[in-house]
Amino acid sequence: MDGKCEKGFEKKLTNLGKVRKMDISFGYENQKFNYRACAMMISEHKILAMHDERSPYFYLPGGRVAIGETAEQAVVREVWEELGITPKIIRPLWLNQAFFKEDIDNMNYHELCIYFLMDFTETDLLTRGDVFTSKEGHRTHVFEWLAFERLKDEYFYPLFLKKDIFNLPDEFMIRTEIE
């Protein structure tokens, strides 16, 4: 992102409490659709993953895209909300079309998620330790740097990353994951 986008983004952050846009997510019976953006923050063959009191599994920082918001804006906003840092986007890696039954709410999900490789070198993220917590509103997130090799044995989503983390694409790819 260029400096112009960064300034605009910071202005939006100061206004978050005033205007909340609707997330692109809707449900029908026992089904739910989500449009998400996730941050892939990698250091020394480890990826930053998180979980909270509602989720026994690890997942990547990020969240739902709001109406009127780009996926790029959403991933930077979500990382700010969850970690209090403003990373830079290096490039998008995947658009994953996922179809799965969620382990917590037992709903069938159809989820579109764009995974962005992020540059966080100008932040204090690496000084926080291998495991650390962060508050977002009333929720406490636990973050952990997971070694790539460890992913195959962890309760971790998305499943495709357990293998594909070892070979990041050079070009943006569309993929489908059906559980």
C-alpha atoms as a PDB file:
ATOM      1  CA  MET A   1       0.000   0.000   0.000  1.00  0.00           C
ATOM      2  CA  ASP A   2       1.250   3.482  -0.720  1.00  0.00           C
ATOM      3  CA  GLY A   3       1.458   6.240   1.855  1.00  0.00           C
ATOM      4  CA  LYS A   4      -1.760   7.775   0.521  1.00  0.00           C
ATOM      5  CA  CYS A   5      -3.732   4.611   1.365  1.00  0.00           C
ATOM      6  CA  GLU A   6      -2.047   4.356   4.763  1.00  0.00           C
ATOM      7  CA  LYS A   7      -3.179   7.886   5.754  1.00  0.00           C
ATOM      8  CA  GLY A   8      -6.709   7.204   4.576  1.00  0.00           C
ATOM      9  CA  PHE A   9      -6.714   3.932   6.475  1.00  0.00           C
ATOM     10  CA  GLU A  10      -5.560   5.599   9.694  1.00  0.00           C
ATOM     11  CA  LYS A  11      -8.343   8.169   9.335  1.00  0.00           C
ATOM     12  CA  LYS A  12     -10.878   5.350   8.960  1.00  0.00           C
ATOM     13  CA  LEU A  13      -9.529   3.673  12.105  1.00  0.00           C
ATOM     14  CA  THR A  14     -10.220   6.779  14.163  1.00  0.00           C
ATOM     15  CA  ASN A  15     -13.803   6.715  12.924  1.00  0.00           C
ATOM     16  CA  LEU A  16     -14.443   3.001  13.542  1.00  0.00           C
ATOM     17  CA  GLY A  17     -16.408   3.659  16.704  1.00  0.00           C
ATOM     18  CA  LYS A  18     -18.681   6.134  14.931  1.00  0.00           C
ATOM     19  CA  VAL A  19     -19.651   4.199  11.803  1.00  0.00           C
ATOM     20  CA  ARG A  20     -19.682   0.425  11.575  1.00  0.00           C
ATOM     21  CA  LYS A  21     -20.201  -1.037   8.143  1.00  0.00           C
ATOM     22  CA  MET A  22     -21.952  -4.345   7.639  1.00  0.00           C
ATOM     23  CA  ASP A  23     -19.753  -7.394   7.126  1.00  0.00           C
ATOM     24  CA  ILE A  24     -20.273  -9.383   3.955  1.00  0.00           C
ATOM     25  CA  SER A  25     -21.710 -12.416   5.698  1.00  0.00           C
ATOM     26  CA  PHE A  26     -25.175 -13.895   5.701  1.00  0.00           C
ATOM     27  CA  GLY A  27     -26.891 -17.045   6.808  1.00  0.00           C
ATOM     28  CA  TYR A  28     -29.734 -19.190   5.558  1.00  0.00           C
ATOM     29  CA  GLU A  29     -31.055 -22.065   7.666  1.00  0.00           C
ATOM     30  CA  ASN A  30     -27.922 -24.000   8.740  1.00  0.00           C
ATOM     31  CA  GLN A  31     -25.687 -22.410   6.087  1.00  0.00           C
ATOM     32  CA  LYS A  32     -23.494 -19.318   6.188  1.00  0.00           C
ATOM     33  CA  PHE A  33     -21.567 -17.329   3.580  1.00  0.00           C
ATOM     34  CA  ASN A  34     -18.496 -15.267   4.501  1.00  0.00           C
ATOM     35  CA  TYR A  35     -16.160 -13.052   2.502  1.00  0.00           C
ATOM     36  CA  ARG A  36     -12.890 -12.802   4.432  1.00  0.00           C
ATOM     37  CA  ALA A  37      -9.332 -11.539   4.136  1.00  0.00           C
ATOM     38  CA  CYS A  38      -6.464 -13.166   6.051  1.00  0.00           C
ATOM     39  CA  ALA A  39      -2.920 -12.091   6.847  1.00  0.00           C
ATOM     40  CA  MET A  40      -0.014 -14.456   6.375  1.00  0.00           C
ATOM     41  CA  MET A  41       2.794 -13.153   8.565  1.00  0.00           C
ATOM     42  CA  ILE A  42       5.856 -15.364   8.225  1.00  0.00           C
ATOM     43  CA  SER A  43       9.228 -15.281   9.978  1.00  0.00           C
ATOM     44  CA  GLU A  44      11.986 -17.912  10.010  1.00  0.00           C
ATOM     45  CA  HIS A  45       9.748 -20.742   8.712  1.00  0.00           C
ATOM     46  CA  LYS A  46       7.016 -19.902  11.228  1.00  0.00           C
ATOM     47  CA  ILE A  47       3.567 -18.414  10.639  1.00  0.00           C
ATOM     48  CA  LEU A  48       1.628 -16.298  13.102  1.00  0.00           C
ATOM     49  CA  ALA A  49      -1.610 -18.055  14.066  1.00  0.00           C
ATOM     50  CA  MET A  50      -4.222 -17.310  16.686  1.00  0.00           C
ATOM     51  CA  HIS A  51      -7.109 -18.736  18.677  1.00  0.00           C
ATOM     52  CA  ASP A  52      -9.472 -17.405  21.328  1.00  0.00           C
ATOM     53  CA  GLU A  53     -11.869 -18.630  23.975  1.00  0.00           C
ATOM     54  CA  ARG A  54     -14.476 -19.536  21.310  1.00  0.00           C
ATOM     55  CA  SER A  55     -12.128 -21.446  18.992  1.00  0.00           C
ATOM     56  CA  PRO A  56     -10.078 -24.452  20.066  1.00  0.00           C
ATOM     57  CA  TYR A  57      -8.277 -24.435  16.696  1.00  0.00           C
ATOM     58  CA  PHE A  58      -5.616 -22.127  15.286  1.00  0.00           C
ATOM     59  CA  TYR A  59      -6.452 -19.788  12.415  1.00  0.00           C
ATOM     60  CA  LEU A  60      -4.823 -16.794  10.730  1.00  0.00           C
ATOM     61  CA  PRO A  61      -5.315 -13.152  11.699  1.00  0.00           C
ATOM     62  CA  GLY A  62      -7.928 -11.431   9.569  1.00  0.00           C
ATOM     63  CA  GLY A  63     -11.663 -11.328   9.282  1.00  0.00           C
ATOM     64  CA  ARG A  64     -14.701 -10.391   7.289  1.00  0.00           C
ATOM     65  CA  VAL A  65     -14.666  -7.775   4.573  1.00  0.00           C
ATOM     66  CA  ALA A  66     -17.281  -5.046   5.075  1.00  0.00           C
ATOM     67  CA  ILE A  67     -19.561  -3.703   2.370  1.00  0.00           C
ATOM     68  CA  GLY A  68     -17.772  -0.870   0.563  1.00  0.00           C
ATOM     69  CA  GLU A  69     -14.351  -2.048   1.761  1.00  0.00           C
ATOM     70  CA  THR A  70     -11.672  -3.690  -0.379  1.00  0.00           C
ATOM     71  CA  ALA A  71     -10.086  -6.953   0.741  1.00  0.00           C
ATOM     72  CA  GLU A  72      -6.790  -5.037   1.067  1.00  0.00           C
ATOM     73  CA  GLN A  73      -8.379  -2.496   3.411  1.00  0.00           C
ATOM     74  CA  ALA A  74     -10.061  -5.267   5.379  1.00  0.00           C
ATOM     75  CA  VAL A  75      -6.911  -7.298   6.035  1.00  0.00           C
ATOM     76  CA  VAL A  76      -4.986  -4.234   7.219  1.00  0.00           C
ATOM     77  CA  ARG A  77      -7.941  -3.118   9.382  1.00  0.00           C
ATOM     78  CA  GLU A  78      -8.375  -6.575  10.910  1.00  0.00           C
ATOM     79  CA  VAL A  79      -4.675  -6.880  11.768  1.00  0.00           C
ATOM     80  CA  TRP A  80      -4.866  -3.432  13.374  1.00  0.00           C
ATOM     81  CA  GLU A  81      -7.907  -4.465  15.418  1.00  0.00           C
ATOM     82  CA  GLU A  82      -6.380  -7.780  16.506  1.00  0.00           C
ATOM     83  CA  LEU A  83      -2.708  -6.848  16.941  1.00  0.00           C
ATOM     84  CA  GLY A  84      -2.491  -3.055  17.007  1.00  0.00           C
ATOM     85  CA  ILE A  85      -0.012  -2.944  14.104  1.00  0.00           C
ATOM     86  CA  THR A  86      -0.279  -1.696  10.531  1.00  0.00           C
ATOM     87  CA  PRO A  87       1.508  -4.155   8.244  1.00  0.00           C
ATOM     88  CA  LYS A  88       2.076  -3.662   4.537  1.00  0.00           C
ATOM     89  CA  ILE A  89       0.707  -6.005   1.911  1.00  0.00           C
ATOM     90  CA  ILE A  90       3.419  -7.722  -0.126  1.00  0.00           C
ATOM     91  CA  ARG A  91       1.007  -9.516  -2.445  1.00  0.00           C
ATOM     92  CA  PRO A  92      -2.131 -11.656  -2.498  1.00  0.00           C
ATOM     93  CA  LEU A  93      -1.389 -15.394  -2.645  1.00  0.00           C
ATOM     94  CA  TRP A  94      -4.691 -17.240  -2.878  1.00  0.00           C
ATOM     95  CA  LEU A  95      -8.400 -16.823  -3.218  1.00  0.00           C
ATOM     96  CA  ASN A  96      -9.668 -19.932  -1.463  1.00  0.00           C
ATOM     97  CA  GLN A  97     -13.242 -21.120  -1.999  1.00  0.00           C
ATOM     98  CA  ALA A  98     -13.914 -23.195   1.096  1.00  0.00           C
ATOM     99  CA  PHE A  99     -16.882 -25.438   1.839  1.00  0.00           C
ATOM    100  CA  PHE A 100     -16.844 -26.830   5.377  1.00  0.00           C
ATOM    101  CA  LYS A 101     -18.838 -27.625   8.500  1.00  0.00           C
ATOM    102  CA  GLU A 102     -17.677 -25.353  11.324  1.00  0.00           C
ATOM    103  CA  ASP A 103     -16.591 -27.196  14.448  1.00  0.00           C
ATOM    104  CA  ILE A 104     -18.051 -24.636  16.864  1.00  0.00           C
ATOM    105  CA  ASP A 105     -21.502 -23.726  15.522  1.00  0.00           C
ATOM    106  CA  ASN A 106     -22.041 -26.860  13.355  1.00  0.00           C
ATOM    107  CA  MET A 107     -23.129 -24.714  10.402  1.00  0.00           C
ATOM    108  CA  ASN A 108     -22.216 -25.422   6.788  1.00  0.00           C
ATOM    109  CA  TYR A 109     -20.011 -22.639   5.459  1.00  0.00           C
ATOM    110  CA  HIS A 110     -19.292 -21.336   1.986  1.00  0.00           C
ATOM    111  CA  GLU A 111     -16.380 -18.979   2.457  1.00  0.00           C
ATOM    112  CA  LEU A 112     -14.330 -16.897   0.060  1.00  0.00           C
ATOM    113  CA  CYS A 113     -11.053 -15.813   1.613  1.00  0.00           C
ATOM    114  CA  ILE A 114      -8.148 -13.911   0.104  1.00  0.00           C
ATOM    115  CA  TYR A 115      -4.822 -14.721   1.764  1.00  0.00           C
ATOM    116  CA  PHE A 116      -2.297 -11.871   1.738  1.00  0.00           C
ATOM    117  CA  LEU A 117       1.427 -12.194   2.383  1.00  0.00           C
ATOM    118  CA  MET A 118       2.263  -9.324   4.751  1.00  0.00           C
ATOM    119  CA  ASP A 119       5.366  -7.304   5.619  1.00  0.00           C
ATOM    120  CA  PHE A 120       5.451  -6.456   9.316  1.00  0.00           C
ATOM    121  CA  THR A 121       9.164  -5.581   9.591  1.00  0.00           C
ATOM    122  CA  GLU A 122       8.423  -1.977  10.604  1.00  0.00           C
ATOM    123  CA  THR A 123       6.359  -3.118  13.616  1.00  0.00           C
ATOM    124  CA  ASP A 124       7.191  -4.527  17.060  1.00  0.00           C
ATOM    125  CA  LEU A 125       5.540  -7.882  16.324  1.00  0.00           C
ATOM    126  CA  LEU A 126       8.684 -10.026  16.649  1.00  0.00           C
ATOM    127  CA  THR A 127       9.492  -8.540  20.075  1.00  0.00           C
ATOM    128  CA  ARG A 128       6.269  -9.905  21.608  1.00  0.00           C
ATOM    129  CA  GLY A 129       7.575 -13.464  22.008  1.00  0.00           C
ATOM    130  CA  ASP A 130       6.643 -16.865  20.596  1.00  0.00           C
ATOM    131  CA  VAL A 131       3.265 -16.827  22.387  1.00  0.00           C
ATOM    132  CA  PHE A 132       1.446 -13.652  23.408  1.00  0.00           C
ATOM    133  CA  THR A 133      -2.062 -12.309  23.957  1.00  0.00           C
ATOM    134  CA  SER A 134      -3.941  -9.284  22.678  1.00  0.00           C
ATOM    135  CA  LYS A 135      -7.349  -7.851  23.591  1.00  0.00           C
ATOM    136  CA  GLU A 136      -9.937  -6.917  20.974  1.00  0.00           C
ATOM    137  CA  GLY A 137     -12.949  -5.510  22.752  1.00  0.00           C
ATOM    138  CA  HIS A 138     -14.092  -8.163  25.235  1.00  0.00           C
ATOM    139  CA  ARG A 139     -12.182 -10.977  23.482  1.00  0.00           C
ATOM    140  CA  THR A 140      -8.672 -12.136  24.292  1.00  0.00           C
ATOM    141  CA  HIS A 141      -6.724 -13.555  21.372  1.00  0.00           C
ATOM    142  CA  VAL A 142      -3.781 -15.897  21.913  1.00  0.00           C
ATOM    143  CA  PHE A 143      -1.160 -15.615  19.174  1.00  0.00           C
ATOM    144  CA  GLU A 144       1.570 -18.143  18.525  1.00  0.00           C
ATOM    145  CA  TRP A 145       4.367 -18.464  15.982  1.00  0.00           C
ATOM    146  CA  LEU A 146       3.873 -22.001  14.608  1.00  0.00           C
ATOM    147  CA  ALA A 147       6.718 -23.728  12.797  1.00  0.00           C
ATOM    148  CA  PHE A 148       5.649 -24.859   9.314  1.00  0.00           C
ATOM    149  CA  GLU A 149       6.499 -28.477  10.192  1.00  0.00           C
ATOM    150  CA  ARG A 150       4.217 -28.306  13.232  1.00  0.00           C
ATOM    151  CA  LEU A 151       1.095 -27.371  11.231  1.00  0.00           C
ATOM    152  CA  LYS A 152       0.443 -30.937  10.062  1.00  0.00           C
ATOM    153  CA  ASP A 153      -0.063 -32.027  13.690  1.00  0.00           C
ATOM    154  CA  GLU A 154      -2.014 -28.986  14.903  1.00  0.00           C
ATOM    155  CA  TYR A 155      -5.740 -28.288  14.974  1.00  0.00           C
ATOM    156  CA  PHE A 156      -5.265 -25.587  12.312  1.00  0.00           C
ATOM    157  CA  TYR A 157      -7.351 -24.027   9.560  1.00  0.00           C
ATOM    158  CA  PRO A 158      -7.275 -23.643   6.625  1.00  0.00           C
ATOM    159  CA  LEU A 159      -6.271 -27.234   6.017  1.00  0.00           C
ATOM    160  CA  PHE A 160      -4.613 -26.545   2.645  1.00  0.00           C
ATOM    161  CA  LEU A 161      -1.931 -24.422   4.328  1.00  0.00           C
ATOM    162  CA  LYS A 162      -0.565 -27.428   6.193  1.00  0.00           C
ATOM    163  CA  LYS A 163       1.069 -28.443   2.885  1.00  0.00           C
ATOM    164  CA  ASP A 164       0.996 -25.312   0.729  1.00  0.00           C
ATOM    165  CA  ILE A 165       2.882 -23.203   3.306  1.00  0.00           C
ATOM    166  CA  PHE A 166       6.057 -24.875   2.049  1.00  0.00           C
ATOM    167  CA  ASN A 167       5.529 -23.641  -1.519  1.00  0.00           C
ATOM    168  CA  LEU A 168       3.954 -20.190  -1.702  1.00  0.00           C
ATOM    169  CA  PRO A 169       2.752 -19.318  -5.213  1.00  0.00           C
ATOM    170  CA  ASP A 170       4.574 -16.683  -7.254  1.00  0.00           C
ATOM    171  CA  GLU A 171       1.288 -15.624  -8.835  1.00  0.00           C
ATOM    172  CA  PHE A 172      -2.190 -15.161  -7.399  1.00  0.00           C
ATOM    173  CA  MET A 173      -4.077 -18.474  -7.472  1.00  0.00           C
ATOM    174  CA  ILE A 174      -7.714 -19.458  -7.110  1.00  0.00           C
ATOM    175  CA  ARG A 175      -8.262 -22.729  -5.304  1.00  0.00           C
ATOM    176  CA  THR A 176     -11.143 -24.722  -3.836  1.00  0.00           C
ATOM    177  CA  GLU A 177     -11.175 -26.639  -0.576  1.00  0.00           C
ATOM    178  CA  ILE A 178     -14.018 -29.030   0.208  1.00  0.00           C
ATOM    179  CA  GLU A 179     -14.017 -30.716   3.594  1.00  0.00           C
END
